[in-house]
Protein backbone atom coordinates (compact mmCIF):
# COMPACT_ATOMS: atom_id res chain seq x y z
CA MET A 1 85.01 299.47 61.04
CA LYS A 2 85.86 298.80 57.37
CA LEU A 3 84.69 302.30 56.38
CA SER A 4 87.00 303.78 59.00
CA LEU A 5 89.93 301.73 57.67
CA ASN A 6 89.23 302.94 54.12
CA ARG A 7 89.13 306.58 55.27
CA ASN A 8 92.43 306.15 57.08
CA LYS A 9 93.99 304.50 54.03
CA ASN A 10 92.71 307.27 51.73
CA LYS A 11 94.22 309.89 54.05
CA HIS A 12 97.51 307.96 54.05
CA LEU A 13 97.45 307.70 50.24
CA ALA A 14 96.64 311.42 49.94
CA ASN A 15 99.59 312.28 52.18
CA LEU A 16 101.97 310.14 50.13
CA LEU A 17 100.65 311.29 46.74
CA GLY A 18 100.11 314.96 47.50
CA TYR A 19 96.48 314.73 46.33
CA MET A 20 93.33 312.78 47.12
CA PRO A 21 93.05 309.92 44.62
CA THR A 22 89.91 309.82 42.49
CA ALA A 23 89.74 306.05 43.12
CA SER A 24 91.93 303.43 44.76
CA SER A 25 92.02 299.73 45.39
CA GLU A 26 94.11 297.38 47.46
CA VAL A 27 96.00 294.62 45.68
CA ASP A 28 95.47 291.11 47.08
CA GLY A 29 98.30 290.24 49.45
CA ASP A 30 99.61 291.64 52.68
CA GLY A 31 97.86 295.01 52.49
CA GLN A 32 101.01 296.88 51.52
CA LEU A 33 100.26 297.41 47.82
CA TRP A 34 97.65 299.89 46.64
CA LEU A 35 96.74 301.36 43.27
CA ALA A 36 95.38 304.89 43.03
CA THR A 37 94.08 306.98 40.14
CA SER A 38 94.09 310.67 39.42
CA PRO A 39 93.21 312.52 36.22
CA THR A 40 96.90 312.45 35.25
CA GLU A 41 98.36 309.17 36.49
CA LEU A 42 98.20 305.73 37.96
CA ALA A 43 100.05 305.58 41.26
CA ILE A 44 101.39 302.28 42.56
CA VAL A 45 101.91 302.61 46.29
CA SER A 46 103.98 300.04 48.15
CA GLY A 47 104.49 300.98 51.79
CA ASN A 48 105.81 304.55 51.55
CA LYS A 49 107.16 304.17 48.00
CA VAL A 50 105.17 305.63 45.09
CA GLU A 51 105.62 304.85 41.39
CA ARG A 52 103.74 307.20 39.05
CA ILE A 53 102.81 306.30 35.47
CA GLU A 54 101.03 308.62 33.04
CA TRP A 55 97.89 307.25 31.38
CA SER A 56 99.33 307.89 27.93
CA ASP A 57 102.06 305.31 28.64
CA PHE A 58 99.43 302.55 28.51
CA ALA A 59 98.07 301.01 25.31
CA ASN A 60 95.13 299.48 27.16
CA ALA A 61 93.95 297.66 30.25
CA ALA A 62 91.94 294.46 30.59
CA TRP A 63 89.80 293.47 33.55
CA ASP A 64 88.80 289.90 34.45
CA GLY A 65 86.08 290.22 37.09
CA VAL A 66 86.05 286.51 37.91
CA LYS A 67 89.78 286.43 38.69
CA ARG A 68 89.75 290.07 39.91
CA GLU A 69 92.79 290.54 37.67
CA LEU A 70 93.76 293.85 36.09
CA VAL A 71 96.32 293.69 33.27
CA MET A 72 97.77 296.95 32.01
CA VAL A 73 99.68 296.93 28.73
CA PHE A 74 102.34 299.52 28.00
CA ILE A 75 102.75 301.19 24.61
CA ASP A 76 106.46 300.38 24.80
CA PRO A 77 106.70 296.67 23.94
CA SER A 78 109.96 296.36 25.86
CA LEU A 79 108.09 297.01 29.13
CA GLN A 80 106.41 294.09 30.84
CA ASN A 81 102.64 294.23 31.36
CA LEU A 82 101.48 295.12 34.86
CA ARG A 83 99.31 292.42 36.46
CA PHE A 84 97.40 292.93 39.68
CA VAL A 85 94.88 290.75 41.49
CA LEU A 86 92.65 293.01 43.55
CA ILE A 87 91.14 292.13 46.92
CA ASP A 88 87.67 290.55 47.15
CA GLU A 89 86.12 293.91 48.10
CA TYR A 90 87.81 295.77 45.23
CA SER A 91 86.49 299.13 44.15
CA GLU A 92 84.47 298.98 40.92
CA ASN A 93 85.01 302.73 40.71
CA PHE A 94 88.74 302.08 40.54
CA VAL A 95 88.41 299.62 37.64
CA THR A 96 86.13 302.05 35.79
CA ALA A 97 88.52 304.95 36.43
CA VAL A 98 91.46 303.02 34.94
CA ARG A 99 89.57 302.27 31.73
CA GLU A 100 88.20 305.81 31.43
CA ARG A 101 91.57 307.47 32.02
CA ILE A 102 93.36 305.38 29.40
CA ASP A 103 90.52 305.99 26.94
CA ARG A 104 90.60 309.73 27.67
CA SER A 105 94.30 309.89 26.84
CA ILE A 106 93.49 308.73 23.28
CA VAL A 107 92.22 311.77 21.41
CA TYR A 108 92.18 310.30 17.91
CA GLN A 109 93.34 307.10 16.24
CA GLN A 110 93.68 305.73 12.77
CA PHE A 111 94.75 302.34 11.43
CA VAL A 112 96.60 301.61 8.21
CA GLU A 113 97.86 298.43 6.58
CA LEU A 114 101.45 298.97 5.48
CA SER A 115 102.85 297.69 2.20
CA SER A 116 104.59 294.90 4.16
CA GLY A 117 101.18 293.71 5.37
CA VAL A 118 101.56 294.70 9.03
CA ILE A 119 99.05 297.00 10.71
CA ALA A 120 100.11 300.37 12.10
CA ARG A 121 97.97 302.18 14.65
CA GLY A 122 98.49 305.91 14.75
CA GLN A 123 97.20 307.83 17.73
CA VAL A 124 97.09 311.33 19.03
CA ARG A 125 97.46 311.08 22.81
CA ARG A 126 97.06 313.52 25.68
CA ASN A 127 99.84 313.97 28.26
CA SER A 128 99.17 314.77 31.89
CA ASP A 129 99.78 318.47 31.15
CA GLU A 130 97.06 318.29 28.44
CA THR A 131 99.52 318.65 25.55
CA LEU A 132 98.97 316.40 22.56
CA PHE A 133 101.51 314.14 20.87
CA THR A 134 101.48 311.50 18.16
CA GLN A 135 102.25 307.85 18.69
CA ILE A 136 102.57 305.13 16.08
CA VAL A 137 102.45 301.50 17.12
CA VAL A 138 103.27 298.80 14.58
CA ASP A 139 102.15 295.23 15.21
CA GLY A 140 105.06 293.51 13.52
CA VAL A 141 108.28 294.22 11.67
CA VAL A 142 108.36 297.31 9.48
CA GLY A 143 109.41 296.63 5.90
CA GLU A 144 111.70 298.77 3.76
CA GLY A 145 108.83 300.33 1.83
CA ASP A 146 106.80 301.22 4.90
CA SER A 147 108.58 304.39 6.00
CA SER A 148 106.74 306.72 3.60
CA MET A 149 103.38 305.26 4.67
CA LEU A 150 104.30 305.79 8.34
CA HIS A 151 105.35 309.37 7.59
CA ASP A 152 102.02 309.96 5.81
CA LEU A 153 100.11 308.45 8.73
CA GLU A 154 101.79 310.79 11.19
CA ALA A 155 101.07 313.78 8.95
CA GLU A 156 97.39 312.77 8.72
CA LEU A 157 97.19 312.43 12.52
CA ARG A 158 98.68 315.86 13.05
CA GLU A 159 96.37 317.43 10.46
CA ALA A 160 93.28 315.75 11.97
CA VAL A 161 93.80 317.48 15.33
CA GLY A 162 95.50 320.68 14.19
CA LEU A 163 99.05 319.95 15.36
C-alpha cells in the first residue's frame, strides 16, 4: 500500500514540476508539503503550489538524523534559513541528493583573511544552466582597506577556472 502511495505522489509531483524528481521526501505534518530534487533545483511543493530554488542559492545544508531536521542556509544573509522536519520514513536518497547538489554547485573555493581580520570565502559556482559565476561571502563587516583584497580574490577565482 505504501509503495502505491509513493508512486502516486511521485506522479503527482512530476505533473506539477514538469519532470520526475531525482528524489523527494514528505515534510512532517499534514501531508501537504513535499521537497523534491532535480539536477538544477530544490522544489518545495505545497498542495499545487511550487517554489523553485537553484542549488547555487544555498551556502550549505545541515542534516540532524535524530531530529530528522534539514536546515538549508542561503548565501544571501538577508534570507531566513529553511528548516524542515521530515517524516519518520524519510528518504535517505533525498538527504544525500540535497548535499550532493549543493556541493556540485561549488566548482572552486578559496579563503582569505582580509586586512580588517574578517574571513572572505570566494567561490566559483555553477548555475542551473551550467554557466559559472563568482560569489564572495564575507563573515563580518568589510573594512575600508579590504576592497583591493576582495578585488584580487575575485580575479584569482576567475583565473583559476578560466573565466
